[in-house]
Protein backbone atom coordinates (compact mmCIF):
# COMPACT_ATOMS: atom_id res chain seq x y z
CA UNK A 1 0.00 0.00 0.00
CA UNK A 2 0.95 3.63 -0.46
CA UNK A 3 2.09 4.04 3.15
CA UNK A 4 4.02 0.81 3.70
CA UNK A 5 7.45 2.08 4.80
CA UNK A 6 10.19 0.67 6.96
CA UNK A 7 10.55 2.10 10.44
CA UNK A 8 14.00 3.38 9.51
CA UNK A 9 12.62 5.32 6.57
CA UNK A 10 9.73 6.70 8.62
CA UNK A 11 12.06 7.83 11.36
CA UNK A 12 14.35 9.55 8.88
CA UNK A 13 11.37 11.29 7.29
CA UNK A 14 10.11 12.52 10.63
CA UNK A 15 13.50 14.09 11.26
CA UNK A 16 12.83 16.30 8.25
CA UNK A 17 9.05 16.73 8.58
CA UNK A 18 8.86 17.30 12.33
CA UNK A 19 11.31 19.65 13.97
CA UNK A 20 11.74 21.17 17.38
CA UNK A 21 9.98 24.40 18.24
CA UNK A 22 12.41 27.20 18.96
CA UNK A 23 11.05 27.91 22.45
CA UNK A 24 9.35 26.15 25.30
CA UNK A 25 5.90 27.62 24.63
CA UNK A 26 4.00 24.97 22.66
CA UNK A 27 1.09 27.35 22.05
CA UNK A 28 3.30 29.62 19.93
CA UNK A 29 4.78 27.53 17.13
CA UNK A 30 7.55 29.46 15.37
CA UNK A 31 6.12 28.87 11.89
CA UNK A 32 2.46 29.04 12.92
CA UNK A 33 2.05 25.29 12.41
CA UNK A 34 1.59 22.78 15.22
CA UNK A 35 3.22 19.39 14.72
CA UNK A 36 1.08 16.32 15.41
CA UNK A 37 1.81 12.66 14.76
CA UNK A 38 -0.97 10.17 14.08
CA UNK A 39 0.64 7.03 15.51
CA UNK A 40 -1.13 3.86 14.36
CA UNK A 41 -0.79 0.22 15.41
CA UNK A 42 1.07 -0.77 12.26
CA UNK A 43 1.63 0.37 8.69
CA UNK A 44 -0.10 -1.26 5.75
CA UNK A 45 -3.60 -1.25 7.28
CA UNK A 46 -6.33 0.31 5.12
CA UNK A 47 -8.39 1.32 8.16
CA UNK A 48 -5.58 3.48 9.52
CA UNK A 49 -4.81 4.93 6.11
CA UNK A 50 -8.44 6.10 5.96
CA UNK A 51 -7.95 7.66 9.42
CA UNK A 52 -5.02 9.62 8.02
CA UNK A 53 -7.19 10.82 5.15
CA UNK A 54 -9.58 12.26 7.75
CA UNK A 55 -6.70 13.85 9.65
CA UNK A 56 -5.58 15.60 6.48
CA UNK A 57 -9.15 16.88 5.96
CA UNK A 58 -8.99 18.43 9.43
CA UNK A 59 -5.58 19.91 8.61
CA UNK A 60 -7.08 21.64 5.57
CA UNK A 61 -9.90 23.10 7.67
CA UNK A 62 -7.90 24.17 10.70
CA UNK A 63 -5.03 25.78 8.85
CA UNK A 64 -2.62 25.62 11.80
CA UNK A 65 -1.81 21.89 11.95
CA UNK A 66 0.65 19.54 10.28
CA UNK A 67 -0.06 15.82 10.73
CA UNK A 68 2.54 13.12 10.09
CA UNK A 69 1.35 9.50 9.75
CA UNK A 70 3.54 6.92 11.49
CA UNK A 71 3.49 3.37 12.78
CA UNK A 72 5.72 0.35 13.38
CA UNK A 73 5.99 -2.38 10.77
CA UNK A 74 4.46 -4.87 13.22
CA UNK A 75 1.64 -4.38 15.76
CA UNK A 76 3.84 -4.25 18.87
CA UNK A 77 4.09 -1.94 21.86
CA UNK A 78 7.88 -1.98 21.50
CA UNK A 79 7.65 -0.55 17.99
CA UNK A 80 5.40 2.27 19.16
CA UNK A 81 7.61 3.01 22.17
CA UNK A 82 10.64 3.41 19.90
CA UNK A 83 8.78 5.90 17.74
CA UNK A 84 7.47 7.88 20.73
CA UNK A 85 11.00 8.22 22.15
CA UNK A 86 12.06 9.74 18.82
CA UNK A 87 9.09 12.12 18.84
CA UNK A 88 9.95 13.31 22.34
CA UNK A 89 13.42 14.21 21.09
CA UNK A 90 11.87 16.00 18.11
CA UNK A 91 9.57 18.00 20.44
CA UNK A 92 6.37 17.54 18.48
CA UNK A 93 3.29 19.29 19.83
CA UNK A 94 0.94 16.31 20.00
CA UNK A 95 0.80 12.54 19.51
CA UNK A 96 -2.48 10.74 18.84
CA UNK A 97 -1.99 7.02 19.44
CA UNK A 98 -3.95 3.87 18.59
CA UNK A 99 -2.26 1.72 21.20
CA UNK A 100 -0.96 -1.82 20.78
CA UNK A 101 -0.92 -2.25 24.56
CA UNK A 102 -3.10 -0.45 27.10
CA UNK A 103 -0.45 -0.26 29.83
CA UNK A 104 2.97 -0.79 28.24
CA UNK A 105 2.99 2.67 26.62
CA UNK A 106 2.24 4.57 29.83
CA UNK A 107 5.85 5.21 30.98
CA UNK A 108 6.90 6.66 27.62
CA UNK A 109 3.69 8.67 27.12
CA UNK A 110 4.07 10.10 30.63
CA UNK A 111 7.56 11.13 29.60
CA UNK A 112 6.12 12.76 26.50
CA UNK A 113 3.51 14.69 28.49
CA UNK A 114 6.16 15.81 30.99
CA UNK A 115 8.02 17.26 28.00
CA UNK A 116 4.95 19.33 27.12
CA UNK A 117 3.56 17.09 24.38
CA UNK A 118 -0.23 16.65 24.28
CA UNK A 119 -0.97 12.92 24.17
CA UNK A 120 -4.32 11.40 23.32
CA UNK A 121 -5.33 7.85 22.47
CA UNK A 122 -7.97 6.87 19.93
CA UNK A 123 -9.47 3.65 18.56
CA UNK A 124 -7.46 1.50 21.00
CA UNK A 125 -6.95 3.30 24.27
CA UNK A 126 -4.10 3.95 26.67
CA UNK A 127 -5.01 3.53 30.33
CA UNK A 128 -5.67 6.45 32.67
CA UNK A 129 -2.49 8.38 33.41
CA UNK A 130 -0.92 7.70 30.04
CA UNK A 131 -2.93 10.20 27.98
CA UNK A 132 -5.11 13.27 28.37
CA UNK A 133 -8.14 12.14 26.36
CA UNK A 134 -9.14 8.73 25.04
CA UNK A 135 -11.34 8.99 21.94
CA UNK A 136 -13.45 5.88 21.46
CA UNK A 137 -15.07 5.43 18.04
CA UNK A 138 -18.13 4.07 19.79
CA UNK A 139 -19.24 2.64 23.12
CA UNK A 140 -17.59 -0.72 23.90
CA UNK A 141 -20.81 -2.25 25.17
CA UNK A 142 -22.75 -1.18 22.12
CA UNK A 143 -20.11 -2.53 19.73
CA UNK A 144 -19.80 -5.89 21.46
CA UNK A 145 -23.51 -6.45 21.77
CA UNK A 146 -24.11 -5.31 18.19
CA UNK A 147 -21.51 -7.75 16.84
CA UNK A 148 -23.22 -10.65 18.56
CA UNK A 149 -26.63 -9.49 17.40
CA UNK A 150 -25.41 -9.35 13.79
CA UNK A 151 -24.12 -12.93 13.83
CA UNK A 152 -27.29 -14.10 15.58
CA UNK A 153 -29.39 -12.62 12.78
CA UNK A 154 -27.27 -14.46 10.22
CA UNK A 155 -27.38 -17.83 11.99
CA UNK A 156 -31.00 -17.73 13.09
CA UNK A 157 -29.91 -17.61 16.76
CA UNK A 158 -28.41 -21.10 16.53
CA UNK A 159 -25.06 -22.82 16.45
CA UNK A 160 -21.41 -22.60 17.40
CA UNK A 161 -19.70 -19.22 17.05
CA UNK A 162 -15.97 -18.52 16.85
CA UNK A 163 -14.33 -15.15 17.43
CA UNK A 164 -11.30 -14.16 15.33
CA UNK A 165 -9.64 -11.26 17.14
CA UNK A 166 -6.47 -9.22 16.61
CA UNK A 167 -3.85 -9.49 19.37
CA UNK A 168 -4.63 -10.85 22.81
CA UNK A 169 -3.45 -7.54 24.34
CA UNK A 170 -5.54 -5.21 22.12
CA UNK A 171 -7.54 -2.97 24.44
CA UNK A 172 -10.52 -2.44 22.20
CA UNK A 173 -10.82 -6.05 21.02
CA UNK A 174 -10.89 -7.41 24.56
CA UNK A 175 -13.52 -4.92 25.69
CA UNK A 176 -15.77 -5.74 22.74
CA UNK A 177 -15.39 -9.47 23.27
CA UNK A 178 -16.32 -9.07 26.93
CA UNK A 179 -19.63 -7.53 25.86
CA UNK A 180 -20.20 -10.23 23.24
CA UNK A 181 -20.14 -12.75 26.07
CA UNK A 182 -22.53 -10.58 28.07
CA UNK A 183 -24.96 -10.38 25.13
CA UNK A 184 -24.71 -14.15 24.68
CA UNK A 185 -26.23 -14.65 28.14
CA UNK A 186 -29.63 -13.44 26.96
CA UNK A 187 -32.31 -16.17 26.73
CA UNK A 188 -32.88 -15.63 23.00
CA UNK A 189 -29.37 -16.94 22.39
CA UNK A 190 -29.80 -20.17 24.35
CA UNK A 191 -29.13 -22.22 21.22
CA UNK A 192 -25.89 -20.36 20.43
CA UNK A 193 -22.44 -20.87 21.94
CA UNK A 194 -19.14 -19.04 21.68
CA UNK A 195 -16.76 -21.98 21.33
CA UNK A 196 -13.39 -20.21 21.12
CA UNK A 197 -11.56 -16.91 20.70
CA UNK A 198 -8.51 -17.09 18.42
CA UNK A 199 -5.97 -14.39 17.62
CA UNK A 200 -4.66 -13.48 14.18
CA UNK A 201 -2.39 -10.70 15.53
CA UNK A 202 -3.76 -8.36 12.83
CA UNK A 203 -1.66 -10.23 10.26
CA UNK A 204 -3.47 -11.46 7.15
CA UNK A 205 -1.73 -14.82 6.89
CA UNK A 206 -2.09 -15.71 10.57
CA UNK A 207 -5.73 -14.57 10.64
CA UNK A 208 -6.42 -16.76 7.59
CA UNK A 209 -4.82 -19.78 9.27
CA UNK A 210 -6.77 -19.21 12.49
CA UNK A 211 -10.04 -19.08 10.54
CA UNK A 212 -9.23 -22.32 8.73
CA UNK A 213 -8.30 -23.79 12.10
CA UNK A 214 -11.77 -22.98 13.43
CA UNK A 215 -13.38 -24.76 10.45
CA UNK A 216 -11.27 -27.84 11.13
CA UNK A 217 -11.72 -27.89 14.89
CA UNK A 218 -15.48 -27.21 14.78
CA UNK A 219 -17.05 -28.97 11.76
CA UNK A 220 -20.47 -27.63 12.76
CA UNK A 221 -19.29 -24.03 13.13
CA UNK A 222 -22.19 -21.70 12.29
CA UNK A 223 -20.44 -18.37 12.26
CA UNK A 224 -17.38 -16.22 12.92
CA UNK A 225 -17.22 -12.74 14.43
CA UNK A 226 -14.03 -10.86 13.56
CA UNK A 227 -13.97 -7.35 15.06
CA UNK A 228 -10.84 -6.36 13.15
CA UNK A 229 -10.55 -5.18 9.55
CA UNK A 230 -7.65 -7.49 8.72
CA UNK A 231 -9.29 -10.46 10.43
CA UNK A 232 -12.70 -10.14 8.79
CA UNK A 233 -11.10 -9.85 5.35
CA UNK A 234 -8.94 -12.92 5.99
CA UNK A 235 -11.96 -14.78 7.36
CA UNK A 236 -13.96 -14.00 4.24
CA UNK A 237 -11.18 -15.28 2.00
CA UNK A 238 -10.91 -18.45 4.08
CA UNK A 239 -14.66 -19.10 3.84
CA UNK A 240 -14.56 -18.56 0.08
CA UNK A 241 -11.47 -20.73 -0.43
CA UNK A 242 -12.96 -23.55 1.63
CA UNK A 243 -16.30 -23.35 -0.20
CA UNK A 244 -18.21 -22.59 2.98
CA UNK A 245 -20.38 -19.69 1.79
CA UNK A 246 -23.82 -20.08 3.31
CA UNK A 247 -22.62 -22.72 5.77
CA UNK A 248 -20.37 -20.53 7.91
CA UNK A 249 -21.67 -16.99 8.37
CA UNK A 250 -19.34 -14.07 8.92
CA UNK A 251 -19.63 -10.63 10.44
CA UNK A 252 -17.24 -8.18 12.06
CA UNK A 253 -15.74 -4.75 11.68
CA UNK A 254 -14.51 -4.21 8.14
CA UNK A 255 -13.65 -1.64 5.50
CA UNK A 256 -16.31 -1.39 2.77
CA UNK A 257 -13.65 -1.02 0.07
CA UNK A 258 -11.98 -4.27 1.14
CA UNK A 259 -15.17 -6.21 1.84
CA UNK A 260 -17.38 -5.10 -1.06
CA UNK A 261 -16.81 -8.29 -3.07
CA UNK A 262 -17.55 -10.56 -0.12
CA UNK A 263 -20.66 -8.63 0.88
CA UNK A 264 -22.04 -8.57 -2.63
CA UNK A 265 -21.45 -12.31 -3.18
CA UNK A 266 -23.00 -13.25 0.19
CA UNK A 267 -19.84 -14.47 1.97
CA UNK A 268 -20.32 -11.71 4.55
CA UNK A 269 -23.94 -10.60 4.43
CA UNK A 270 -23.53 -7.77 6.94
CA UNK A 271 -20.84 -6.11 9.02
CA UNK A 272 -20.36 -2.85 10.89
CA UNK A 273 -17.82 -0.07 11.27
CA UNK A 274 -17.58 3.56 12.26
CA UNK A 275 -16.20 5.88 9.64
CA UNK A 276 -12.39 5.85 10.03
CA UNK A 277 -12.16 9.10 8.08
CA UNK A 278 -14.20 10.77 10.83
CA UNK A 279 -12.03 9.12 13.50
CA UNK A 280 -8.76 10.62 12.23
CA UNK A 281 -10.53 13.91 11.60
CA UNK A 282 -11.86 14.07 15.18
CA UNK A 283 -8.52 13.06 16.74
CA UNK A 284 -6.85 15.95 14.91
CA UNK A 285 -9.43 18.45 16.14
CA UNK A 286 -8.94 17.20 19.71
CA UNK A 287 -5.18 17.63 19.51
CA UNK A 288 -5.54 21.12 18.09
CA UNK A 289 -7.94 22.08 20.87
CA UNK A 290 -5.50 20.80 23.52
CA UNK A 291 -2.47 22.49 21.97
CA UNK A 292 -4.17 25.86 21.66
CA UNK A 293 -5.77 25.71 25.11
CA UNK A 294 -9.39 25.58 23.95
CA UNK A 295 -9.78 22.58 26.27
CA UNK A 296 -7.73 20.93 29.00
CA UNK A 297 -9.38 17.50 28.90
CA UNK A 298 -11.42 18.07 32.06
CA UNK A 299 -14.71 16.24 32.54
CA UNK A 300 -17.65 18.27 31.23
CA UNK A 301 -15.71 20.22 28.62
CA UNK A 302 -17.03 20.26 25.05
CA UNK A 303 -14.53 19.55 22.29
CA UNK A 304 -15.09 21.59 19.10
CA UNK A 305 -14.75 19.03 16.30
CA UNK A 306 -15.71 20.64 13.02
CA UNK A 307 -18.34 18.67 11.10
CA UNK A 308 -18.60 16.21 14.02
CA UNK A 309 -20.06 18.93 16.21
CA UNK A 310 -19.13 19.19 19.88
CA UNK A 311 -18.00 16.05 21.70
CA UNK A 312 -18.31 15.97 25.50
CA UNK A 313 -15.42 14.91 27.70
CA UNK A 314 -16.54 12.27 30.17
CA UNK A 315 -15.00 10.82 33.30
CA UNK A 316 -11.27 10.09 33.18
CA UNK A 317 -10.88 11.91 29.87
CA UNK A 318 -13.16 9.59 27.93
CA UNK A 319 -14.84 10.77 24.71
CA UNK A 320 -17.08 8.90 22.29
CA UNK A 321 -17.36 9.75 18.60
CA UNK A 322 -20.46 7.83 17.53
CA UNK A 323 -22.14 4.47 16.86
CA UNK A 324 -21.10 1.88 14.24
CA UNK A 325 -22.93 1.74 10.92
CA UNK A 326 -24.12 -1.53 9.38
CA UNK A 327 -23.00 -2.29 5.84
CA UNK A 328 -24.81 -4.74 3.56
CA UNK A 329 -25.44 -5.30 -0.14
CA UNK A 330 -27.73 -2.27 -0.34
CA UNK A 331 -25.10 0.30 0.67
CA UNK A 332 -21.58 -1.16 0.51
CA UNK A 333 -20.76 0.09 -3.01
CA UNK A 334 -21.50 3.68 -2.02
CA UNK A 335 -19.20 3.55 0.99
CA UNK A 336 -16.53 1.46 -0.76
CA UNK A 337 -15.91 4.45 -3.01
CA UNK A 338 -15.08 6.52 0.10
CA UNK A 339 -13.04 4.16 2.30
């Protein structure tokens, strides 16, 4: 993809693109531009590339921001920590992070904040103390319950269900899965069972193998939930390759542009996702508001977020962008042209 770069190349580019402010006052950038890094879980992920597209839309509207897109080559906390250490040395104004580990980043993000850098998390959060604001794309309970409801609709509330997740440490994945189990306790799902959660580590090949493994281990498998864009795409390919369309149902969180074929041919009848363009856009507005002092991140403040309106800050710096949207054959082509 257009943004697949080695970490060495990315770090050399950031040396040019992001430079230290001349003074200690972050609210008075020497060139009138504030430097923000959109730090994603890993490069080569279409979801995060769409987030960057939204960030650049916000840049065009705000006029005082420069956003650099970065991420490690693999979805590891260590890769993100290495990048953050570099950004501290470069004295950027803000870092917006989709975290690979909820707790492992806290020491280095605390160091960044102590250096005057505004740190927020988005999509996959950093725990309290390691960021100012955590922007969730939606409510964890709503997402988890909705995912289970979608697979129940597809399977007629019957059968064995497998979950194909990203990494076992992914903050957002684990929260959503917790609520899937809660939803599964309802009496209308008495004839359904979550048989196993497997982890594809947000790698296409491993996610594919884990899906095939579920087919082999559970011959009567009725459906798979994969709340990760890489996993749901790999799961769809596995179902198609194994000739299991109609026998094993699939839902999850996926990009319309990547899943259009599988939705239109019935491999994945329905799935959900928030708009990643809006997610990157909103994260940029939050960082700008923090840098310029429009907000501090205190509970009860309203974040001005352009076309997204005003977003309230909740307890412990929590903020929620919106609810997931369901994609199916009737609308996927329209959205596939966007992201």
